[in-house]
Amino acid sequence: MTGGDRVLHRAAACCLRAVKRSRVAAGDTASCGPGLDRLPAGAAPGSDGVQVLASDLLEDRRALGRRMGALVFDTDAVLDAALREATDGRAPTS
């Protein structure tokens, strides 16, 4: 395993641990960046019936998030509005 692979695996493990600790459940809404290091965390809740909302500056990351089943927005402002709507205004936004 290369050094770059180890870094990527460590980042993904940290994200997955955070998802597990958050106790998201079916019917919940989660926000996750669709970058390669965060992708496993975004995929994990989505497979459990959690709606994953995401945004990123890079189009290839947005496309990757869409392929993984996330509802991906082109700008943070649109993501923030979707989070507010999904949580009845309770979600903290950027």
N, C-alpha and C. Protein backbone atom coordinates (compact mmCIF):
# COMPACT_ATOMS: atom_id res chain seq x y z
N MET A 1 0.86 -1.17 0.00
CA MET A 1 0.00 0.00 0.00
C MET A 1 0.91 1.24 0.00
N THR A 2 0.61 2.18 -0.87
CA THR A 2 1.41 3.39 -0.96
C THR A 2 1.04 4.36 0.16
N GLY A 3 1.89 5.36 0.35
CA GLY A 3 1.60 6.38 1.36
C GLY A 3 0.30 7.10 1.08
N GLY A 4 0.03 7.38 -0.19
CA GLY A 4 -1.21 8.05 -0.56
C GLY A 4 -2.42 7.19 -0.25
N ASP A 5 -2.30 5.88 -0.49
CA ASP A 5 -3.40 4.97 -0.17
C ASP A 5 -3.67 4.95 1.32
N ARG A 6 -2.61 4.94 2.13
CA ARG A 6 -2.79 4.93 3.59
C ARG A 6 -3.51 6.20 4.05
N VAL A 7 -3.15 7.33 3.48
CA VAL A 7 -3.80 8.58 3.86
C VAL A 7 -5.29 8.53 3.51
N LEU A 8 -5.60 8.06 2.32
CA LEU A 8 -6.99 7.96 1.88
C LEU A 8 -7.79 7.00 2.76
N HIS A 9 -7.20 5.85 3.08
CA HIS A 9 -7.89 4.89 3.94
C HIS A 9 -8.13 5.47 5.33
N ARG A 10 -7.16 6.18 5.86
CA ARG A 10 -7.32 6.78 7.20
C ARG A 10 -8.44 7.83 7.18
N ALA A 11 -8.47 8.66 6.14
CA ALA A 11 -9.51 9.69 6.05
C ALA A 11 -10.89 9.05 5.94
N ALA A 12 -11.01 8.01 5.13
CA ALA A 12 -12.29 7.33 4.97
C ALA A 12 -12.72 6.68 6.28
N ALA A 13 -11.78 6.08 7.00
CA ALA A 13 -12.11 5.45 8.28
C ALA A 13 -12.61 6.47 9.28
N CYS A 14 -12.00 7.64 9.30
CA CYS A 14 -12.45 8.71 10.21
C CYS A 14 -13.87 9.14 9.87
N CYS A 15 -14.17 9.27 8.60
CA CYS A 15 -15.52 9.66 8.18
C CYS A 15 -16.54 8.60 8.55
N LEU A 16 -16.21 7.34 8.32
CA LEU A 16 -17.15 6.27 8.65
C LEU A 16 -17.39 6.20 10.16
N ARG A 17 -16.35 6.41 10.95
CA ARG A 17 -16.51 6.43 12.40
C ARG A 17 -17.43 7.57 12.82
N ALA A 18 -17.29 8.72 12.19
CA ALA A 18 -18.16 9.86 12.51
C ALA A 18 -19.61 9.56 12.17
N VAL A 19 -19.86 8.88 11.05
CA VAL A 19 -21.22 8.51 10.68
C VAL A 19 -21.79 7.56 11.72
N LYS A 20 -21.00 6.57 12.14
CA LYS A 20 -21.46 5.61 13.14
C LYS A 20 -21.81 6.30 14.46
N ARG A 21 -20.96 7.24 14.87
CA ARG A 21 -21.20 7.95 16.14
C ARG A 21 -22.39 8.89 16.07
N SER A 22 -22.73 9.35 14.88
CA SER A 22 -23.82 10.32 14.74
C SER A 22 -25.19 9.68 14.94
N ARG A 23 -25.27 8.38 14.81
CA ARG A 23 -26.51 7.63 14.98
C ARG A 23 -27.62 8.07 14.02
N VAL A 24 -27.24 8.40 12.78
CA VAL A 24 -28.26 8.71 11.79
C VAL A 24 -29.07 7.45 11.53
N ALA A 25 -30.33 7.64 11.22
CA ALA A 25 -31.23 6.51 10.99
C ALA A 25 -32.08 6.76 9.77
N ALA A 26 -32.73 5.73 9.29
CA ALA A 26 -33.62 5.85 8.14
C ALA A 26 -34.59 7.00 8.36
N GLY A 27 -34.76 7.82 7.33
CA GLY A 27 -35.64 8.97 7.41
C GLY A 27 -34.92 10.25 7.81
N ASP A 28 -33.66 10.16 8.26
CA ASP A 28 -32.88 11.34 8.61
C ASP A 28 -32.28 11.98 7.36
N THR A 29 -31.81 13.21 7.51
CA THR A 29 -31.12 13.92 6.45
C THR A 29 -29.71 14.23 6.93
N ALA A 30 -28.72 13.96 6.09
CA ALA A 30 -27.33 14.22 6.45
C ALA A 30 -26.68 15.06 5.35
N SER A 31 -25.71 15.86 5.74
CA SER A 31 -24.94 16.66 4.79
C SER A 31 -23.52 16.13 4.77
N CYS A 32 -23.00 15.92 3.56
CA CYS A 32 -21.67 15.33 3.43
C CYS A 32 -21.02 15.86 2.16
N GLY A 33 -19.74 16.17 2.22
CA GLY A 33 -19.01 16.52 1.01
C GLY A 33 -18.76 15.28 0.19
N PRO A 34 -18.89 15.36 -1.14
CA PRO A 34 -18.73 14.16 -1.97
C PRO A 34 -17.29 13.90 -2.41
N GLY A 35 -16.29 14.49 -1.76
CA GLY A 35 -14.90 14.23 -2.12
C GLY A 35 -14.55 12.77 -1.90
N LEU A 36 -13.51 12.32 -2.54
CA LEU A 36 -13.13 10.91 -2.49
C LEU A 36 -12.88 10.44 -1.06
N ASP A 37 -12.29 11.28 -0.21
CA ASP A 37 -12.03 10.85 1.16
C ASP A 37 -13.31 10.80 2.00
N ARG A 38 -14.35 11.53 1.60
CA ARG A 38 -15.61 11.54 2.35
C ARG A 38 -16.67 10.67 1.71
N LEU A 39 -16.40 10.17 0.52
CA LEU A 39 -17.40 9.40 -0.21
C LEU A 39 -17.92 8.19 0.57
N PRO A 40 -17.08 7.39 1.21
CA PRO A 40 -17.63 6.27 1.97
C PRO A 40 -18.63 6.72 3.04
N ALA A 41 -18.38 7.84 3.68
CA ALA A 41 -19.30 8.34 4.70
C ALA A 41 -20.61 8.77 4.06
N GLY A 42 -20.54 9.36 2.88
CA GLY A 42 -21.76 9.76 2.19
C GLY A 42 -22.55 8.56 1.68
N ALA A 43 -21.85 7.51 1.30
CA ALA A 43 -22.53 6.32 0.80
C ALA A 43 -23.16 5.52 1.93
N ALA A 44 -22.51 5.48 3.08
CA ALA A 44 -23.01 4.66 4.19
C ALA A 44 -24.40 5.10 4.66
N PRO A 45 -24.63 6.38 4.95
CA PRO A 45 -25.98 6.75 5.38
C PRO A 45 -27.00 6.55 4.28
N GLY A 46 -26.65 6.82 3.03
CA GLY A 46 -27.59 6.69 1.93
C GLY A 46 -28.10 5.27 1.79
N SER A 47 -27.25 4.29 2.08
CA SER A 47 -27.67 2.91 1.96
C SER A 47 -28.61 2.50 3.09
N ASP A 48 -28.68 3.30 4.13
CA ASP A 48 -29.56 3.00 5.27
C ASP A 48 -30.84 3.81 5.23
N GLY A 49 -31.20 4.39 4.10
CA GLY A 49 -32.42 5.17 4.01
C GLY A 49 -32.27 6.60 4.48
N VAL A 50 -31.05 7.07 4.62
CA VAL A 50 -30.79 8.46 4.99
C VAL A 50 -30.59 9.27 3.72
N GLN A 51 -31.29 10.39 3.61
CA GLN A 51 -31.12 11.27 2.46
C GLN A 51 -29.83 12.06 2.66
N VAL A 52 -28.87 11.89 1.75
CA VAL A 52 -27.58 12.59 1.85
C VAL A 52 -27.62 13.79 0.92
N LEU A 53 -27.37 14.97 1.48
CA LEU A 53 -27.28 16.21 0.71
C LEU A 53 -25.81 16.61 0.65
N ALA A 54 -25.35 17.04 -0.52
CA ALA A 54 -23.93 17.35 -0.69
C ALA A 54 -23.73 18.52 -1.65
N SER A 55 -22.55 19.12 -1.53
CA SER A 55 -22.13 20.18 -2.45
C SER A 55 -20.62 20.15 -2.51
N ASP A 56 -20.06 20.57 -3.63
CA ASP A 56 -18.60 20.65 -3.77
C ASP A 56 -18.29 21.65 -4.87
N LEU A 57 -17.11 22.23 -4.82
CA LEU A 57 -16.68 23.18 -5.84
C LEU A 57 -16.35 22.48 -7.16
N LEU A 58 -15.91 21.23 -7.08
CA LEU A 58 -15.46 20.51 -8.27
C LEU A 58 -16.57 19.65 -8.87
N GLU A 59 -16.79 19.80 -10.17
CA GLU A 59 -17.85 19.07 -10.85
C GLU A 59 -17.65 17.56 -10.78
N ASP A 60 -16.40 17.08 -10.89
CA ASP A 60 -16.19 15.63 -10.85
C ASP A 60 -16.59 15.06 -9.49
N ARG A 61 -16.39 15.80 -8.42
CA ARG A 61 -16.82 15.34 -7.10
C ARG A 61 -18.35 15.37 -6.99
N ARG A 62 -18.96 16.40 -7.56
CA ARG A 62 -20.44 16.44 -7.54
C ARG A 62 -21.00 15.25 -8.32
N ALA A 63 -20.40 14.94 -9.47
CA ALA A 63 -20.86 13.80 -10.27
C ALA A 63 -20.69 12.50 -9.51
N LEU A 64 -19.58 12.35 -8.81
CA LEU A 64 -19.34 11.16 -8.01
C LEU A 64 -20.38 11.03 -6.90
N GLY A 65 -20.70 12.14 -6.25
CA GLY A 65 -21.73 12.13 -5.21
C GLY A 65 -23.08 11.71 -5.77
N ARG A 66 -23.41 12.20 -6.95
CA ARG A 66 -24.69 11.82 -7.58
C ARG A 66 -24.73 10.33 -7.89
N ARG A 67 -23.60 9.80 -8.40
CA ARG A 67 -23.54 8.37 -8.69
C ARG A 67 -23.71 7.53 -7.43
N MET A 68 -23.30 8.06 -6.29
CA MET A 68 -23.42 7.34 -5.02
C MET A 68 -24.79 7.53 -4.38
N GLY A 69 -25.67 8.29 -5.04
CA GLY A 69 -27.03 8.43 -4.54
C GLY A 69 -27.31 9.67 -3.72
N ALA A 70 -26.33 10.56 -3.61
CA ALA A 70 -26.56 11.80 -2.86
C ALA A 70 -27.35 12.80 -3.71
N LEU A 71 -28.08 13.66 -3.05
CA LEU A 71 -28.73 14.78 -3.71
C LEU A 71 -27.71 15.91 -3.69
N VAL A 72 -27.10 16.20 -4.84
CA VAL A 72 -25.94 17.09 -4.91
C VAL A 72 -26.35 18.44 -5.49
N PHE A 73 -25.87 19.50 -4.85
CA PHE A 73 -26.17 20.87 -5.26
C PHE A 73 -24.91 21.54 -5.77
N ASP A 74 -25.06 22.44 -6.75
CA ASP A 74 -23.92 23.09 -7.36
C ASP A 74 -23.31 24.19 -6.49
N THR A 75 -24.08 24.75 -5.58
CA THR A 75 -23.55 25.80 -4.72
C THR A 75 -23.93 25.55 -3.26
N ASP A 76 -23.12 26.07 -2.36
CA ASP A 76 -23.42 25.93 -0.93
C ASP A 76 -24.71 26.65 -0.56
N ALA A 77 -25.02 27.75 -1.24
CA ALA A 77 -26.23 28.50 -0.92
C ALA A 77 -27.47 27.65 -1.18
N VAL A 78 -27.48 26.91 -2.29
CA VAL A 78 -28.62 26.05 -2.60
C VAL A 78 -28.66 24.88 -1.62
N LEU A 79 -27.50 24.34 -1.27
CA LEU A 79 -27.44 23.27 -0.26
C LEU A 79 -27.99 23.77 1.07
N ASP A 80 -27.58 24.96 1.49
CA ASP A 80 -28.06 25.52 2.76
C ASP A 80 -29.59 25.64 2.77
N ALA A 81 -30.15 26.10 1.65
CA ALA A 81 -31.61 26.23 1.56
C ALA A 81 -32.28 24.86 1.66
N ALA A 82 -31.71 23.85 1.01
CA ALA A 82 -32.27 22.50 1.07
C ALA A 82 -32.17 21.93 2.48
N LEU A 83 -31.07 22.20 3.17
CA LEU A 83 -30.92 21.74 4.56
C LEU A 83 -31.94 22.40 5.47
N ARG A 84 -32.14 23.70 5.29
CA ARG A 84 -33.14 24.40 6.11
C ARG A 84 -34.53 23.82 5.88
N GLU A 85 -34.84 23.54 4.61
CA GLU A 85 -36.16 22.98 4.29
C GLU A 85 -36.31 21.57 4.86
N ALA A 86 -35.27 20.75 4.72
CA ALA A 86 -35.34 19.36 5.18
C ALA A 86 -35.44 19.24 6.70
N THR A 87 -34.94 20.26 7.40
CA THR A 87 -34.90 20.20 8.87
C THR A 87 -35.81 21.22 9.52
N ASP A 88 -36.75 21.76 8.76
CA ASP A 88 -37.66 22.80 9.27
C ASP A 88 -36.89 23.96 9.91
N GLY A 89 -35.77 24.32 9.28
CA GLY A 89 -34.99 25.46 9.74
C GLY A 89 -34.04 25.19 10.88
N ARG A 90 -33.92 23.93 11.32
CA ARG A 90 -33.07 23.63 12.47
C ARG A 90 -31.61 23.36 12.12
N ALA A 91 -31.31 23.11 10.85
CA ALA A 91 -29.94 22.73 10.48
C ALA A 91 -29.03 23.94 10.49
N PRO A 92 -27.85 23.79 11.09
CA PRO A 92 -26.87 24.87 10.98
C PRO A 92 -26.36 24.92 9.55
N THR A 93 -26.16 26.10 9.02
CA THR A 93 -25.66 26.21 7.65
C THR A 93 -24.39 27.03 7.65
N SER A 94 -23.68 27.00 6.55
CA SER A 94 -22.40 27.70 6.46
C SER A 94 -22.56 29.19 6.36
